[in-house]
Amino acid sequence: MLYGLLAHPAGHSKSPKMQNAMMQVSGLHAHYEAFDVDPNQLGVVIAGLKALGAGGFNVSTPFKAAVIPYLDQVSPLAQRLQAVNTVKIEAGRLIGTSTDGDGFWQSLPRGQAKQRVVILGTGGAARAVIASARDYGVNNLTVFNRRHADWLQRQKALIKLNQQAQLIDIADENLLQEALSQADLLINATTVGMDGNDCLLTDTMLNYLPDSAYVVDMIYRNAHTKLLQLAQARGLKTQNGLPMLVGQGALSFEYWFNCPADRKLMKKEIEE
């Protein structure tokens, strides 16, 4: 049975490698492909997958919101996010959910403190993490972003996802310093650092983090971003975006097949 990823571009995706390895080791007669979809042809591609008898698919940029009108049912979490990253096809019905937030939180080391969290960015990845934070023991969530024209709308949207979330202009150095000095966990949910040596925070700002703080950069195409380099130079423990990629992919696999995924195997496949 066919499964796949709908994205544009899709050529860089590591999902086929880890999903096909998991399908093979589970003895499933299934195959996973990455499809680079013309944004004007999304509906045609979805209809084609349905006609082919596909079992489901993942959705990535730029289709996580655009896919929703084509679905028959959406989970409450995905409805709140207005974003879907996983769809299963059952008896001709397309059912969508989001595994991004749970995939992130479950990727953190067991026992890692996360009561006080600082997030950089308000994009789709950030929103998924914010929406599911309460389920993982977070009780203080501060979100920093550059101020945009739609600032008030972003504030309202984040509070709808999580009433604890506070949105603050990243240019406010006093509040940024205060939040960092108390953080258990710092998360970069922006694309800054994906290409090149950019970093949203200076090494001076990173010095405000407690020695016990854990630093996560959701970027996985560049496994050694400037943020992670600076944090490691300070002696802090860090994590790049690969564990989250594995986490959301494993949850997608479990959603489709109702059997456990081997996260260690999936991680090994994409690291090779």
Protein backbone atom coordinates (compact mmCIF):
# COMPACT_ATOMS: atom_id res chain seq x y z
CA MET A 1 0.00 0.00 0.00
CA LEU A 2 1.23 3.48 -0.87
CA TYR A 3 2.06 6.20 1.67
CA GLY A 4 3.89 9.45 1.06
CA LEU A 5 4.80 13.03 1.78
CA LEU A 6 3.18 15.99 0.01
CA ALA A 7 5.54 18.99 0.06
CA HIS A 8 7.10 21.65 -2.14
CA PRO A 9 10.02 21.21 -2.36
CA ALA A 10 10.24 17.60 -1.21
CA GLY A 11 13.63 16.41 -2.44
CA HIS A 12 15.45 17.08 0.84
CA SER A 13 13.06 14.99 2.95
CA LYS A 14 14.44 12.25 5.18
CA SER A 15 10.96 10.82 5.81
CA PRO A 16 11.03 8.13 3.08
CA LYS A 17 14.19 6.58 4.50
CA MET A 18 12.92 6.26 8.06
CA GLN A 19 9.33 5.31 7.13
CA ASN A 20 10.37 2.64 4.62
CA ALA A 21 12.82 1.14 7.14
CA MET A 22 10.05 1.01 9.76
CA MET A 23 7.55 -0.50 7.30
CA GLN A 24 10.06 -3.14 6.24
CA VAL A 25 11.06 -4.21 9.74
CA SER A 26 7.35 -4.39 10.71
CA GLY A 27 6.63 -6.77 7.81
CA LEU A 28 4.12 -4.38 6.24
CA HIS A 29 3.32 -4.47 2.53
CA ALA A 30 3.68 -0.71 2.25
CA HIS A 31 5.95 1.83 0.57
CA TYR A 32 6.57 5.53 1.26
CA GLU A 33 7.45 8.16 -1.36
CA ALA A 34 8.12 11.90 -1.27
CA PHE A 35 6.01 13.84 -3.77
CA ASP A 36 7.04 17.35 -4.84
CA VAL A 37 3.59 18.83 -5.44
CA ASP A 38 2.81 21.88 -7.57
CA PRO A 39 0.81 24.13 -5.18
CA ASN A 40 -1.89 24.48 -7.87
CA GLN A 41 -2.29 20.70 -8.11
CA LEU A 42 -2.78 19.75 -4.45
CA GLY A 43 -6.41 18.66 -4.92
CA VAL A 44 -5.53 16.62 -8.01
CA VAL A 45 -2.71 14.83 -6.17
CA ILE A 46 -4.91 14.02 -3.17
CA ALA A 47 -7.65 12.67 -5.46
CA GLY A 48 -5.01 10.59 -7.25
CA LEU A 49 -3.71 9.07 -4.00
CA LYS A 50 -7.26 8.26 -2.95
CA ALA A 51 -7.98 6.66 -6.35
CA LEU A 52 -4.79 4.58 -6.07
CA GLY A 53 -5.96 3.16 -2.74
CA ALA A 54 -3.20 4.84 -0.71
CA GLY A 55 -3.28 4.34 3.04
CA GLY A 56 -2.29 7.85 4.03
CA PHE A 57 0.24 10.62 3.71
CA ASN A 58 2.21 13.28 5.52
CA VAL A 59 1.86 16.97 4.70
CA SER A 60 4.65 19.53 4.95
CA THR A 61 5.32 23.09 3.83
CA PRO A 62 3.37 24.77 2.23
CA PHE A 63 0.31 22.51 2.52
CA LYS A 64 -0.41 22.03 6.24
CA ALA A 65 -3.34 24.47 6.18
CA ALA A 66 -4.21 24.16 2.49
CA VAL A 67 -4.94 20.44 2.85
CA ILE A 68 -7.77 20.89 5.38
CA PRO A 69 -10.62 21.63 2.89
CA TYR A 70 -9.89 18.31 1.16
CA LEU A 71 -10.32 16.26 4.36
CA ASP A 72 -13.47 14.58 5.68
CA GLN A 73 -12.47 14.82 9.35
CA VAL A 74 -9.85 16.72 11.36
CA SER A 75 -8.73 16.03 14.95
CA PRO A 76 -9.56 18.67 17.60
CA LEU A 77 -5.85 19.58 17.95
CA ALA A 78 -5.38 20.04 14.20
CA GLN A 79 -8.59 22.09 14.14
CA ARG A 80 -7.19 24.42 16.80
CA LEU A 81 -3.88 24.70 14.95
CA GLN A 82 -5.53 24.95 11.54
CA ALA A 83 -2.68 22.69 10.43
CA VAL A 84 -2.44 19.00 9.53
CA ASN A 85 0.74 17.00 9.03
CA THR A 86 -0.67 13.45 8.92
CA VAL A 87 -3.65 12.04 7.01
CA LYS A 88 -4.97 8.48 7.01
CA ILE A 89 -7.42 7.14 4.46
CA GLU A 90 -10.04 4.76 5.88
CA ALA A 91 -12.89 3.43 3.76
CA GLY A 92 -12.38 6.32 1.36
CA ARG A 93 -12.49 8.96 4.11
CA LEU A 94 -9.53 11.29 4.70
CA ILE A 95 -8.85 11.91 8.41
CA GLY A 96 -6.22 14.46 9.42
CA THR A 97 -4.28 15.16 12.60
CA SER A 98 -1.08 16.87 13.76
CA THR A 99 1.79 14.93 15.33
CA ASP A 100 4.28 17.84 15.34
CA GLY A 101 3.74 19.07 18.91
CA ASP A 102 3.63 15.66 20.57
CA GLY A 103 6.56 14.58 18.40
CA PHE A 104 8.60 17.48 19.76
CA TRP A 105 7.81 17.03 23.45
CA GLN A 106 8.32 13.28 23.31
CA SER A 107 11.73 13.78 21.68
CA LEU A 108 13.17 15.49 24.77
CA PRO A 109 15.32 13.43 27.17
CA ARG A 110 13.30 11.74 29.87
CA GLY A 111 13.39 13.76 33.07
CA GLN A 112 14.38 17.01 31.37
CA ALA A 113 12.95 19.96 33.31
CA LYS A 114 10.51 22.00 31.21
CA GLN A 115 8.36 23.99 33.59
CA ARG A 116 9.68 27.32 32.25
CA VAL A 117 10.08 27.46 28.47
CA VAL A 118 11.28 30.17 26.08
CA ILE A 119 10.34 29.81 22.40
CA LEU A 120 11.74 31.88 19.54
CA GLY A 121 9.23 32.22 16.69
CA THR A 122 5.48 32.03 16.09
CA GLY A 123 5.33 29.93 12.90
CA GLY A 124 3.67 26.56 12.37
CA ALA A 125 6.26 24.52 14.29
CA ALA A 126 6.12 26.93 17.23
CA ARG A 127 2.30 26.85 17.33
CA ALA A 128 2.24 23.04 17.40
CA VAL A 129 4.64 23.00 20.34
CA ILE A 130 2.72 25.77 22.15
CA ALA A 131 -0.64 24.02 21.69
CA SER A 132 0.54 20.76 23.27
CA ALA A 133 2.82 22.25 25.96
CA ARG A 134 0.27 21.95 28.77
CA ASP A 135 0.11 18.18 28.31
CA TYR A 136 3.83 17.93 29.12
CA GLY A 137 4.03 19.89 32.35
CA VAL A 138 4.91 23.35 31.03
CA ASN A 139 3.52 26.05 33.32
CA ASN A 140 5.36 29.14 32.05
CA LEU A 141 5.68 29.77 28.33
CA THR A 142 7.26 32.92 26.88
CA VAL A 143 7.32 33.40 23.11
CA PHE A 144 9.64 35.94 21.50
CA ASN A 145 9.29 37.17 17.94
CA ARG A 146 10.13 40.18 15.83
CA ARG A 147 7.23 42.65 15.91
CA HIS A 148 5.09 42.48 12.75
CA ALA A 149 2.06 44.44 11.51
CA ASP A 150 -0.22 41.58 12.64
CA TRP A 151 1.17 41.56 16.20
CA LEU A 152 -2.21 41.72 17.99
CA GLN A 153 -3.65 38.92 15.84
CA ARG A 154 -0.62 36.74 16.68
CA GLN A 155 -1.09 37.45 20.39
CA LYS A 156 -4.74 36.42 20.25
CA ALA A 157 -3.95 33.30 18.21
CA LEU A 158 -1.30 32.12 20.68
CA ILE A 159 -3.56 32.68 23.69
CA LYS A 160 -6.24 30.58 21.96
CA LEU A 161 -3.70 27.77 21.62
CA ASN A 162 -2.43 28.09 25.17
CA GLN A 163 -3.65 30.64 27.74
CA GLN A 164 -0.23 30.56 29.44
CA ALA A 165 1.60 31.84 26.34
CA GLN A 166 3.01 35.37 26.46
CA LEU A 167 4.16 37.01 23.21
CA ILE A 168 7.00 39.53 23.61
CA ASP A 169 9.00 41.56 21.11
CA ILE A 170 12.47 39.99 20.83
CA ALA A 171 13.90 43.53 20.72
CA ASP A 172 12.91 43.99 24.39
CA GLU A 173 16.27 42.97 25.83
CA ASN A 174 15.25 43.34 29.49
CA LEU A 175 12.32 40.92 29.20
CA LEU A 176 14.37 38.56 27.04
CA GLN A 177 17.16 38.54 29.62
CA GLU A 178 14.68 37.92 32.44
CA ALA A 179 13.00 35.02 30.63
CA LEU A 180 16.30 33.39 29.63
CA SER A 181 17.69 33.63 33.17
CA GLN A 182 14.81 31.47 34.46
CA ALA A 183 14.43 29.06 31.51
CA ASP A 184 14.58 25.28 31.81
CA LEU A 185 14.29 25.00 28.04
CA LEU A 186 15.09 27.30 25.10
CA ILE A 187 13.61 26.41 21.70
CA ASN A 188 14.42 27.98 18.35
CA ALA A 189 11.33 27.41 16.19
CA THR A 190 12.44 29.78 13.40
CA THR A 191 14.45 29.05 10.27
CA VAL A 192 17.24 31.43 11.34
CA GLY A 193 20.44 29.39 11.17
CA MET A 194 19.23 26.91 8.58
CA ASP A 195 21.48 28.41 5.92
CA GLY A 196 24.60 30.16 7.06
CA ASN A 197 25.87 31.20 10.45
CA ASP A 198 23.07 33.44 11.72
CA CYS A 199 21.68 33.34 15.25
CA LEU A 200 18.80 35.23 16.85
CA LEU A 201 20.61 35.47 20.19
CA THR A 202 24.07 36.80 20.98
CA ASP A 203 26.48 34.80 23.11
CA THR A 204 25.91 37.47 25.81
CA MET A 205 22.19 36.65 25.85
CA LEU A 206 22.89 32.91 25.97
CA ASN A 207 25.08 33.50 29.02
CA TYR A 208 21.94 34.41 30.97
CA LEU A 209 20.66 30.83 30.70
CA PRO A 210 21.06 28.69 33.84
CA ASP A 211 23.72 25.97 33.65
CA SER A 212 20.94 23.37 33.75
CA ALA A 213 19.08 24.81 30.73
CA TYR A 214 18.52 22.64 27.66
CA VAL A 215 18.73 24.25 24.20
CA VAL A 216 16.82 22.87 21.20
CA ASP A 217 17.03 24.09 17.60
CA MET A 218 14.21 22.61 15.51
CA ILE A 219 16.32 22.96 12.35
CA TYR A 220 17.48 19.55 11.14
CA ARG A 221 19.00 20.32 7.73
CA ASN A 222 21.83 22.10 9.53
CA ALA A 223 22.59 19.89 12.53
CA HIS A 224 25.18 22.33 13.95
CA THR A 225 23.54 25.75 13.88
CA LYS A 226 25.23 28.79 15.38
CA LEU A 227 22.77 28.70 18.30
CA LEU A 228 23.77 25.14 19.17
CA GLN A 229 27.46 25.95 18.78
CA LEU A 230 27.19 28.89 21.19
CA ALA A 231 25.19 26.83 23.69
CA GLN A 232 27.69 23.97 23.56
CA ALA A 233 30.56 26.43 24.06
CA ARG A 234 28.79 27.44 27.28
CA GLY A 235 28.66 23.80 28.34
CA LEU A 236 24.90 23.48 27.88
CA LYS A 237 23.20 20.33 26.66
CA THR A 238 21.65 20.70 23.20
CA GLN A 239 19.45 18.98 20.62
CA ASN A 240 18.93 19.63 16.91
CA GLY A 241 15.76 19.01 14.91
CA LEU A 242 16.34 15.36 14.02
CA PRO A 243 14.76 13.89 17.20
CA MET A 244 11.59 15.94 16.57
CA LEU A 245 11.53 14.76 12.93
CA VAL A 246 11.75 11.18 14.17
CA GLY A 247 9.15 11.80 16.88
CA GLN A 248 6.48 13.22 14.58
CA GLY A 249 7.25 10.55 11.97
CA ALA A 250 6.95 7.74 14.52
CA LEU A 251 3.58 9.09 15.67
CA SER A 252 2.43 9.25 12.03
CA PHE A 253 3.44 5.61 11.57
CA GLU A 254 1.50 4.63 14.70
CA TYR A 255 -1.52 6.62 13.53
CA TRP A 256 -1.57 4.76 10.21
CA PHE A 257 -0.80 1.23 11.36
CA ASN A 258 -1.86 1.14 15.04
CA CYS A 259 1.41 -0.54 16.00
CA PRO A 260 4.47 0.83 17.83
CA ALA A 261 7.31 2.51 15.93
CA ASP A 262 10.95 1.90 16.79
CA ARG A 263 12.28 5.43 17.21
CA LYS A 264 15.89 4.30 17.62
CA LEU A 265 15.74 2.49 14.29
CA MET A 266 14.15 5.47 12.54
CA LYS A 267 16.77 7.86 13.99
CA LYS A 268 19.60 5.55 12.95
CA GLU A 269 18.28 5.43 9.37
CA ILE A 270 18.28 9.20 8.88
CA GLU A 271 21.62 9.75 10.61
CA GLU A 272 23.49 7.37 8.30
